[in-house]
Amino acid sequence: MMRAVGVVAEYNPFHNGHAYHLTMARQVADADVVIAVMSGNFVQRGEAAIFDKWARADQALHHGADVVIELPFHWAVQPAHLFAQGALTLLAALQIPTMVFGAEHPQVDFTALAEQSVNDTRAFKRFDQTYATLFNAQLEAKTGFRLDQPNDILSFSYAMANQQLKRPLVLMPIQRLGADYHEQVLSQQQFASATAVRKAMLTPTDQTVRQLADLVPKQTLASFSQQPAIAGWTPQLWHLLRHTLVVTPVTELANVYQMSEGLEYRLKAAAEENDTWPDFLTAIKTKRYTYSRLLRVCLYTVMHATTAEMVPGQSEYLRLLGFTSAGQRWLNEAKKRFMFPLITRFDRKLKQTTLNLDYRAGTVYEMLTGQAQDFRHNPLRVVTK
């Protein structure tokens, strides 16, 4: 029986830090194969991925992953706790016993931290701060640990989600290395931040292109040379959003997922009064909502994603994006034990039913890039020793 370990990622794009993560996951779990659950064409923050899901899956398969499963849109474009819940749900459905993830403070017992109850509902009714800020302040007051680093927050969310599983996974945090998560400038170290890598790819110079050669694996460089790198919110995506907000009645906008507390009125007015994406964002920002929350609501609006479509548990499946030779052997051995159906081929029935929301997301992404998506792709096969 082949031993498998799970990882969760966006690979936006795949860089040396991700390759290190995959190497360490295989090592610390003593695994034969590494199974990656990866966001599709849109990522957790509510933005388009810099490369499409096929290119990013290909990058991962060439540099340490053996199987890549897509995290569906209804899980991928969510706040951390639901993103984590979706990822752990899929790993559990794949019968993966162990998950390895990076953290700024891997020595922290995130499982014990997640068991601390934070439930002062009076504090959460304040509108002068975001929910995350209020929650973290309560957690710090109760435990003494300040949960303010991006990977620590995800680690905590993984631990919370793991508690909800009937058969929890073994969680193994490892030390995150290299530049700060939000670092904007390419690092002289081996591991740059994904933020800096994206910025360099979107505004390349001769110097940054030379630097990228040392900071990302060759398959990521190949994607960079073969298809356009796109910004999280392109002008085309903003135009789609503005059109939707201007022409759609507020009664219909209210049906969009997470369009709560009168946001539909605020977004519609801002779209009518502002021509540019930066001005629109400034107009809709309040102390109550983070930019990430607002970006996600904007993306839900473009997709016409309703609450019924986005509620966790509505439709669970395993969408296979690609595999290596070792991954294929594991799939043949393990697929009979999977708790959700394994989808290997896209067809018109799936377009209209199970994968309809993912299809819409793929179609919008195809409109932004010209890169063919679901109907024109079978799972990637990477031949390895």
Protein backbone atom coordinates (compact mmCIF):
# COMPACT_ATOMS: atom_id res chain seq x y z
CA MET A 1 0.00 0.00 0.00
CA MET A 2 1.48 3.34 -1.08
CA ARG A 3 1.73 5.96 1.67
CA ALA A 4 0.21 9.35 0.79
CA VAL A 5 0.53 12.78 2.38
CA GLY A 6 -1.68 15.76 1.64
CA VAL A 7 -0.88 19.43 1.07
CA VAL A 8 -3.08 22.43 0.30
CA ALA A 9 -1.98 25.33 -1.86
CA GLU A 10 -2.85 27.99 -4.42
CA TYR A 11 0.50 27.98 -6.27
CA ASN A 12 -0.08 31.55 -7.39
CA PRO A 13 2.40 30.95 -8.94
CA PHE A 14 4.49 27.91 -7.98
CA HIS A 15 7.90 29.03 -6.59
CA ASN A 16 10.89 27.56 -4.76
CA GLY A 17 9.12 27.74 -1.40
CA HIS A 18 6.37 25.49 -2.74
CA ALA A 19 8.92 22.99 -4.06
CA TYR A 20 10.55 22.96 -0.62
CA HIS A 21 7.15 22.38 1.00
CA LEU A 22 6.48 19.35 -1.22
CA THR A 23 9.94 17.91 -0.56
CA MET A 24 9.53 18.32 3.19
CA ALA A 25 5.99 16.90 3.17
CA ARG A 26 7.22 13.73 1.51
CA GLN A 27 10.14 13.54 3.95
CA VAL A 28 8.47 14.22 7.31
CA ALA A 29 5.50 11.96 6.51
CA ASP A 30 7.69 9.26 4.98
CA ALA A 31 5.31 9.25 2.03
CA ASP A 32 5.49 7.61 -1.38
CA VAL A 33 3.23 10.21 -3.04
CA VAL A 34 2.20 13.81 -2.34
CA ILE A 35 -1.42 14.73 -3.05
CA ALA A 36 -2.06 18.46 -3.56
CA VAL A 37 -5.46 20.10 -3.20
CA MET A 38 -5.13 23.30 -5.23
CA SER A 39 -7.42 26.28 -5.86
CA GLY A 40 -8.79 26.59 -9.38
CA ASN A 41 -8.71 29.68 -11.59
CA PHE A 42 -9.66 32.06 -8.76
CA VAL A 43 -7.99 32.19 -5.38
CA GLN A 44 -9.00 32.68 -1.76
CA ARG A 45 -8.57 36.46 -1.73
CA GLY A 46 -11.17 36.84 -4.49
CA GLU A 47 -8.82 37.38 -7.41
CA ALA A 48 -7.92 35.63 -10.65
CA ALA A 49 -4.85 33.40 -10.39
CA ILE A 50 -1.81 34.69 -12.30
CA PHE A 51 -1.83 31.51 -14.46
CA ASP A 52 -4.72 29.15 -15.07
CA LYS A 53 -5.23 26.01 -13.02
CA TRP A 54 -3.76 23.75 -15.72
CA ALA A 55 -0.47 25.64 -15.88
CA ARG A 56 -0.21 25.76 -12.08
CA ALA A 57 -1.02 22.05 -11.76
CA ASP A 58 1.65 21.33 -14.37
CA GLN A 59 4.17 23.37 -12.39
CA ALA A 60 3.39 21.39 -9.24
CA LEU A 61 3.51 17.99 -10.96
CA HIS A 62 6.95 18.71 -12.39
CA HIS A 63 8.34 19.77 -9.03
CA GLY A 64 7.14 17.42 -6.30
CA ALA A 65 3.38 16.80 -6.40
CA ASP A 66 2.08 13.44 -7.65
CA VAL A 67 -1.65 14.18 -7.86
CA VAL A 68 -3.40 17.56 -8.10
CA ILE A 69 -7.07 17.80 -7.13
CA GLU A 70 -8.95 21.05 -7.73
CA LEU A 71 -10.45 22.81 -4.72
CA PRO A 72 -13.85 23.86 -6.16
CA PHE A 73 -14.82 27.52 -6.46
CA HIS A 74 -17.40 27.21 -3.67
CA TRP A 75 -14.57 26.27 -1.26
CA ALA A 76 -11.59 28.07 -2.80
CA VAL A 77 -12.98 31.61 -2.80
CA GLN A 78 -13.87 31.79 0.88
CA PRO A 79 -12.45 33.18 4.14
CA ALA A 80 -9.72 31.10 5.77
CA HIS A 81 -11.95 28.91 7.94
CA LEU A 82 -14.12 27.78 5.02
CA PHE A 83 -11.17 27.46 2.64
CA ALA A 84 -9.57 25.16 5.22
CA GLN A 85 -12.80 23.24 5.77
CA GLY A 86 -13.08 22.54 2.06
CA ALA A 87 -9.48 21.45 1.71
CA LEU A 88 -9.62 19.12 4.73
CA THR A 89 -12.95 17.72 3.53
CA LEU A 90 -11.38 16.71 0.22
CA LEU A 91 -8.25 15.25 1.83
CA ALA A 92 -10.46 13.21 4.14
CA ALA A 93 -12.54 12.03 1.17
CA LEU A 94 -9.30 10.91 -0.48
CA GLN A 95 -8.50 8.93 2.68
CA ILE A 96 -5.24 10.84 3.18
CA PRO A 97 -4.00 10.22 6.75
CA THR A 98 -1.59 13.15 7.13
CA MET A 99 -1.39 16.80 6.06
CA VAL A 100 1.78 18.91 6.08
CA PHE A 101 1.59 22.72 5.97
CA GLY A 102 3.86 25.69 6.53
CA ALA A 103 3.51 28.04 9.49
CA GLU A 104 5.37 31.03 10.84
CA HIS A 105 5.27 29.39 14.30
CA PRO A 106 5.18 25.61 13.74
CA GLN A 107 6.06 24.98 17.39
CA VAL A 108 2.57 26.16 18.39
CA ASP A 109 0.03 23.44 19.13
CA PHE A 110 -2.63 24.68 16.72
CA THR A 111 -4.98 21.84 17.64
CA ALA A 112 -4.93 22.89 21.31
CA LEU A 113 -5.31 26.53 20.24
CA ALA A 114 -8.35 25.66 18.13
CA GLU A 115 -10.00 24.02 21.14
CA GLN A 116 -10.15 27.37 22.94
CA SER A 117 -13.69 28.74 22.81
CA VAL A 118 -14.04 32.34 21.62
CA ASN A 119 -17.69 33.25 21.75
CA ASP A 120 -18.26 36.75 23.12
CA THR A 121 -21.00 37.56 20.64
CA ARG A 122 -21.39 41.09 22.01
CA ALA A 123 -17.93 42.01 20.76
CA PHE A 124 -18.71 40.69 17.28
CA LYS A 125 -21.60 43.13 16.92
CA ARG A 126 -19.22 46.08 16.79
CA PHE A 127 -18.96 47.72 13.38
CA ASP A 128 -15.77 49.74 13.87
CA GLN A 129 -13.49 46.72 13.28
CA THR A 130 -13.49 43.61 11.13
CA TYR A 131 -14.70 40.29 12.49
CA ALA A 132 -11.17 38.85 12.13
CA THR A 133 -9.69 41.65 14.23
CA LEU A 134 -12.28 41.18 16.97
CA PHE A 135 -11.86 37.39 16.97
CA ASN A 136 -8.07 37.56 17.13
CA ALA A 137 -8.19 40.05 19.99
CA GLN A 138 -10.38 37.67 21.99
CA LEU A 139 -8.13 34.69 21.18
CA GLU A 140 -5.02 36.57 22.26
CA ALA A 141 -6.68 37.68 25.49
CA LYS A 142 -7.59 34.07 26.27
CA THR A 143 -4.45 32.22 25.12
CA GLY A 144 -1.66 34.81 24.97
CA PHE A 145 -0.91 33.90 21.34
CA ARG A 146 -1.23 36.61 18.71
CA LEU A 147 -2.70 35.06 15.57
CA ASP A 148 -1.70 37.66 12.98
CA GLN A 149 0.58 35.89 10.48
CA PRO A 150 -1.01 34.59 7.24
CA ASN A 151 0.20 30.99 7.45
CA ASP A 152 -0.44 30.81 11.19
CA ILE A 153 -4.02 31.90 10.52
CA LEU A 154 -4.42 29.14 7.93
CA SER A 155 -2.78 26.65 10.32
CA PHE A 156 -5.32 27.57 12.99
CA SER A 157 -8.10 27.22 10.41
CA TYR A 158 -6.84 23.77 9.40
CA ALA A 159 -6.90 22.71 13.05
CA MET A 160 -10.45 24.05 13.45
CA ALA A 161 -11.62 22.23 10.32
CA ASN A 162 -9.84 19.03 11.34
CA GLN A 163 -11.84 18.89 14.57
CA GLN A 164 -15.05 18.68 12.53
CA LEU A 165 -14.00 15.55 10.63
CA LYS A 166 -15.24 12.14 11.70
CA ARG A 167 -11.70 10.82 11.22
CA PRO A 168 -9.31 13.74 11.78
CA LEU A 169 -6.03 13.85 9.90
CA VAL A 170 -2.62 14.01 11.53
CA LEU A 171 -1.55 17.65 11.13
CA MET A 172 2.18 18.33 10.75
CA PRO A 173 3.27 21.99 10.58
CA ILE A 174 6.73 22.85 9.26
CA GLN A 175 8.67 26.10 9.40
CA ARG A 176 7.88 28.56 6.63
CA LEU A 177 11.15 29.90 5.22
CA GLY A 178 12.24 32.96 3.27
CA ALA A 179 10.76 36.39 2.68
CA ASP A 180 7.75 37.77 4.52
CA TYR A 181 4.41 36.64 3.06
CA HIS A 182 3.51 40.20 1.98
CA GLU A 183 6.99 41.21 0.78
CA GLN A 184 6.68 43.23 -2.44
CA VAL A 185 10.30 43.07 -3.61
CA LEU A 186 12.09 39.99 -4.92
CA SER A 187 14.30 38.51 -2.25
CA GLN A 188 18.00 37.83 -2.60
CA GLN A 189 17.28 34.61 -0.72
CA GLN A 190 16.24 31.31 -2.27
CA PHE A 191 12.61 31.77 -1.23
CA ALA A 192 10.76 34.90 -2.35
CA SER A 193 7.16 35.71 -1.49
CA ALA A 194 4.45 34.83 -4.00
CA THR A 195 3.40 38.49 -3.84
CA ALA A 196 6.84 39.64 -5.03
CA VAL A 197 6.99 36.94 -7.72
CA ARG A 198 3.57 37.99 -9.09
CA LYS A 199 4.58 41.65 -9.10
CA ALA A 200 7.79 40.85 -10.99
CA MET A 201 5.92 38.77 -13.56
CA LEU A 202 3.26 41.42 -14.12
CA THR A 203 5.81 44.21 -14.59
CA PRO A 204 8.91 42.41 -15.85
CA THR A 205 12.27 44.03 -16.44
CA ASP A 206 15.52 42.47 -17.62
CA GLN A 207 16.77 42.46 -14.03
CA THR A 208 13.66 40.86 -12.49
CA VAL A 209 13.49 38.20 -15.20
CA ARG A 210 17.07 37.23 -14.36
CA GLN A 211 16.17 37.14 -10.65
CA LEU A 212 13.11 34.99 -11.28
CA ALA A 213 15.31 32.30 -12.80
CA ASP A 214 16.77 31.73 -9.31
CA LEU A 215 13.47 31.97 -7.44
CA VAL A 216 11.01 29.80 -9.37
CA PRO A 217 11.41 26.32 -10.91
CA LYS A 218 11.82 25.87 -14.65
CA GLN A 219 8.20 24.85 -15.27
CA THR A 220 6.98 28.14 -13.78
CA LEU A 221 9.38 30.01 -16.05
CA ALA A 222 7.98 28.00 -18.96
CA SER A 223 4.43 29.11 -18.08
CA PHE A 224 5.68 32.69 -17.81
CA SER A 225 7.06 32.53 -21.36
CA GLN A 226 4.12 30.65 -22.88
CA GLN A 227 1.00 32.37 -21.54
CA PRO A 228 0.11 35.82 -20.25
CA ALA A 229 0.47 36.50 -16.55
CA ILE A 230 -2.67 38.33 -15.45
CA ALA A 231 -3.32 40.64 -12.53
CA GLY A 232 -5.80 39.58 -9.86
CA TRP A 233 -8.37 42.12 -11.05
CA THR A 234 -7.80 42.94 -14.70
CA PRO A 235 -9.54 45.86 -16.45
CA GLN A 236 -11.76 43.32 -18.21
CA LEU A 237 -12.86 41.77 -14.91
CA TRP A 238 -13.62 45.23 -13.48
CA HIS A 239 -15.71 46.04 -16.57
CA LEU A 240 -17.67 42.81 -16.13
CA LEU A 241 -18.29 43.68 -12.48
CA ARG A 242 -19.31 47.26 -13.21
CA HIS A 243 -21.70 46.18 -15.96
CA THR A 244 -23.30 43.63 -13.64
CA LEU A 245 -23.72 46.12 -10.80
CA VAL A 246 -25.11 48.87 -13.03
CA VAL A 247 -27.70 46.80 -14.91
CA THR A 248 -28.83 44.41 -12.16
CA PRO A 249 -31.64 45.52 -9.82
CA VAL A 250 -30.68 45.65 -6.14
CA THR A 251 -33.34 43.04 -5.40
CA GLU A 252 -31.39 40.57 -7.56
CA LEU A 253 -27.99 41.68 -6.27
CA ALA A 254 -29.23 40.86 -2.77
CA ASN A 255 -29.30 37.17 -3.79
CA VAL A 256 -25.52 37.12 -4.33
CA TYR A 257 -23.64 35.13 -1.71
CA GLN A 258 -22.43 37.25 1.23
CA MET A 259 -24.19 40.37 -0.11
CA SER A 260 -25.34 41.29 3.40
CA GLU A 261 -26.09 44.38 5.50
CA GLY A 262 -27.03 46.49 2.48
CA LEU A 263 -23.79 45.93 0.57
CA GLU A 264 -25.77 45.68 -2.66
CA TYR A 265 -26.75 49.36 -2.39
CA ARG A 266 -23.20 50.44 -1.58
CA LEU A 267 -21.64 48.47 -4.45
CA LYS A 268 -24.25 49.55 -6.99
CA ALA A 269 -23.87 53.24 -6.10
CA ALA A 270 -20.07 53.01 -6.21
CA ALA A 271 -20.17 51.33 -9.64
CA GLU A 272 -22.43 54.05 -11.02
CA GLU A 273 -20.23 56.86 -9.67
CA ASN A 274 -16.67 55.53 -10.28
CA ASP A 275 -14.95 54.74 -13.56
CA THR A 276 -11.84 52.99 -12.25
CA TRP A 277 -11.24 49.90 -10.13
CA PRO A 278 -9.07 51.72 -7.53
CA ASP A 279 -11.67 54.47 -7.08
CA PHE A 280 -14.45 51.88 -6.79
CA LEU A 281 -12.53 49.96 -4.10
CA THR A 282 -11.91 53.15 -2.13
CA ALA A 283 -15.61 54.00 -2.31
CA ILE A 284 -16.81 50.64 -0.95
CA LYS A 285 -14.22 50.16 1.83
CA THR A 286 -15.41 50.45 5.43
CA LYS A 287 -13.95 49.52 8.80
CA ARG A 288 -16.41 46.64 8.98
CA TYR A 289 -15.09 44.76 5.93
CA THR A 290 -11.58 43.76 4.90
CA TYR A 291 -10.50 44.22 1.30
CA SER A 292 -10.42 40.43 0.94
CA ARG A 293 -14.07 40.16 1.98
CA LEU A 294 -15.06 42.88 -0.49
CA LEU A 295 -13.01 41.34 -3.31
CA ARG A 296 -14.73 38.01 -2.77
CA VAL A 297 -18.19 39.62 -2.85
CA CYS A 298 -17.25 41.41 -6.07
CA LEU A 299 -16.15 38.11 -7.60
CA TYR A 300 -19.33 36.36 -6.43
CA THR A 301 -21.24 39.15 -8.18
CA VAL A 302 -19.43 38.61 -11.48
CA MET A 303 -20.15 34.87 -11.23
CA HIS A 304 -23.77 35.42 -10.10
CA ALA A 305 -22.93 32.99 -7.31
CA THR A 306 -25.90 32.51 -5.00
CA THR A 307 -25.99 31.39 -1.40
CA ALA A 308 -27.50 28.05 -2.46
CA GLU A 309 -24.50 27.38 -4.73
CA MET A 310 -21.83 28.46 -2.24
CA VAL A 311 -23.10 26.81 0.93
CA PRO A 312 -20.61 24.07 1.94
CA GLY A 313 -21.79 20.53 1.37
CA GLN A 314 -24.09 21.28 -1.55
CA SER A 315 -22.02 19.30 -4.04
CA GLU A 316 -18.90 17.35 -3.19
CA TYR A 317 -16.59 15.79 -5.74
CA LEU A 318 -12.92 15.24 -6.56
CA ARG A 319 -11.89 17.00 -9.78
CA LEU A 320 -8.63 15.50 -11.04
CA LEU A 321 -6.35 18.04 -12.72
CA GLY A 322 -3.29 15.87 -13.19
CA PHE A 323 -0.96 13.15 -11.99
CA THR A 324 2.55 11.73 -12.33
CA SER A 325 3.43 8.10 -12.99
CA ALA A 326 3.57 7.46 -9.24
CA GLY A 327 0.34 9.38 -8.80
CA GLN A 328 -1.37 7.19 -11.37
CA ARG A 329 -0.29 4.07 -9.51
CA TRP A 330 -1.67 5.51 -6.27
CA LEU A 331 -4.96 6.49 -7.94
CA ASN A 332 -5.41 2.99 -9.33
CA GLU A 333 -4.76 1.57 -5.89
CA ALA A 334 -6.77 4.03 -3.80
CA LYS A 335 -9.71 5.29 -5.89
CA LYS A 336 -12.11 2.58 -4.76
CA ARG A 337 -11.82 3.96 -1.22
CA PHE A 338 -12.61 7.58 -2.14
CA MET A 339 -15.67 8.97 -0.38
CA PHE A 340 -16.59 11.40 -3.21
CA PRO A 341 -16.84 10.68 -6.95
CA LEU A 342 -13.60 11.21 -8.90
CA ILE A 343 -14.21 13.37 -11.97
CA THR A 344 -11.68 12.85 -14.74
CA ARG A 345 -13.59 14.15 -17.75
CA PHE A 346 -15.69 17.28 -18.24
CA ASP A 347 -18.94 16.95 -20.19
CA ARG A 348 -22.13 18.90 -20.84
CA LYS A 349 -24.07 17.15 -18.10
CA LEU A 350 -21.46 18.16 -15.51
CA LYS A 351 -21.49 21.68 -16.96
CA GLN A 352 -25.21 21.96 -16.23
CA THR A 353 -25.10 20.27 -12.81
CA THR A 354 -22.23 19.41 -10.49
CA LEU A 355 -19.55 21.60 -12.08
CA ASN A 356 -21.73 24.50 -13.21
CA LEU A 357 -20.16 27.08 -10.90
CA ASP A 358 -16.64 25.90 -11.73
CA TYR A 359 -17.59 26.03 -15.42
CA ARG A 360 -18.72 29.64 -15.10
CA ALA A 361 -15.49 30.52 -13.29
CA GLY A 362 -13.47 28.82 -16.03
CA THR A 363 -15.41 30.62 -18.76
CA VAL A 364 -14.80 34.01 -17.16
CA TYR A 365 -11.10 33.19 -16.81
CA GLU A 366 -11.00 32.14 -20.47
CA MET A 367 -12.52 35.51 -21.39
CA LEU A 368 -9.69 37.26 -19.50
CA THR A 369 -6.81 35.25 -20.96
CA GLY A 370 -7.89 33.44 -24.11
CA GLN A 371 -6.59 30.21 -22.52
CA ALA A 372 -8.93 27.27 -23.14
CA GLN A 373 -10.40 25.76 -20.00
CA ASP A 374 -12.65 22.87 -19.02
CA PHE A 375 -14.08 21.39 -22.23
CA ARG A 376 -10.66 21.34 -23.85
CA HIS A 377 -8.70 19.61 -21.10
CA ASN A 378 -8.21 16.10 -19.82
CA PRO A 379 -6.13 15.50 -16.69
CA LEU A 380 -2.43 16.22 -17.17
CA ARG A 381 -0.06 13.24 -17.29
CA VAL A 382 3.55 13.81 -16.29
CA VAL A 383 5.82 10.79 -16.85
CA THR A 384 8.26 10.29 -14.00
CA LYS A 385 10.57 7.50 -12.91
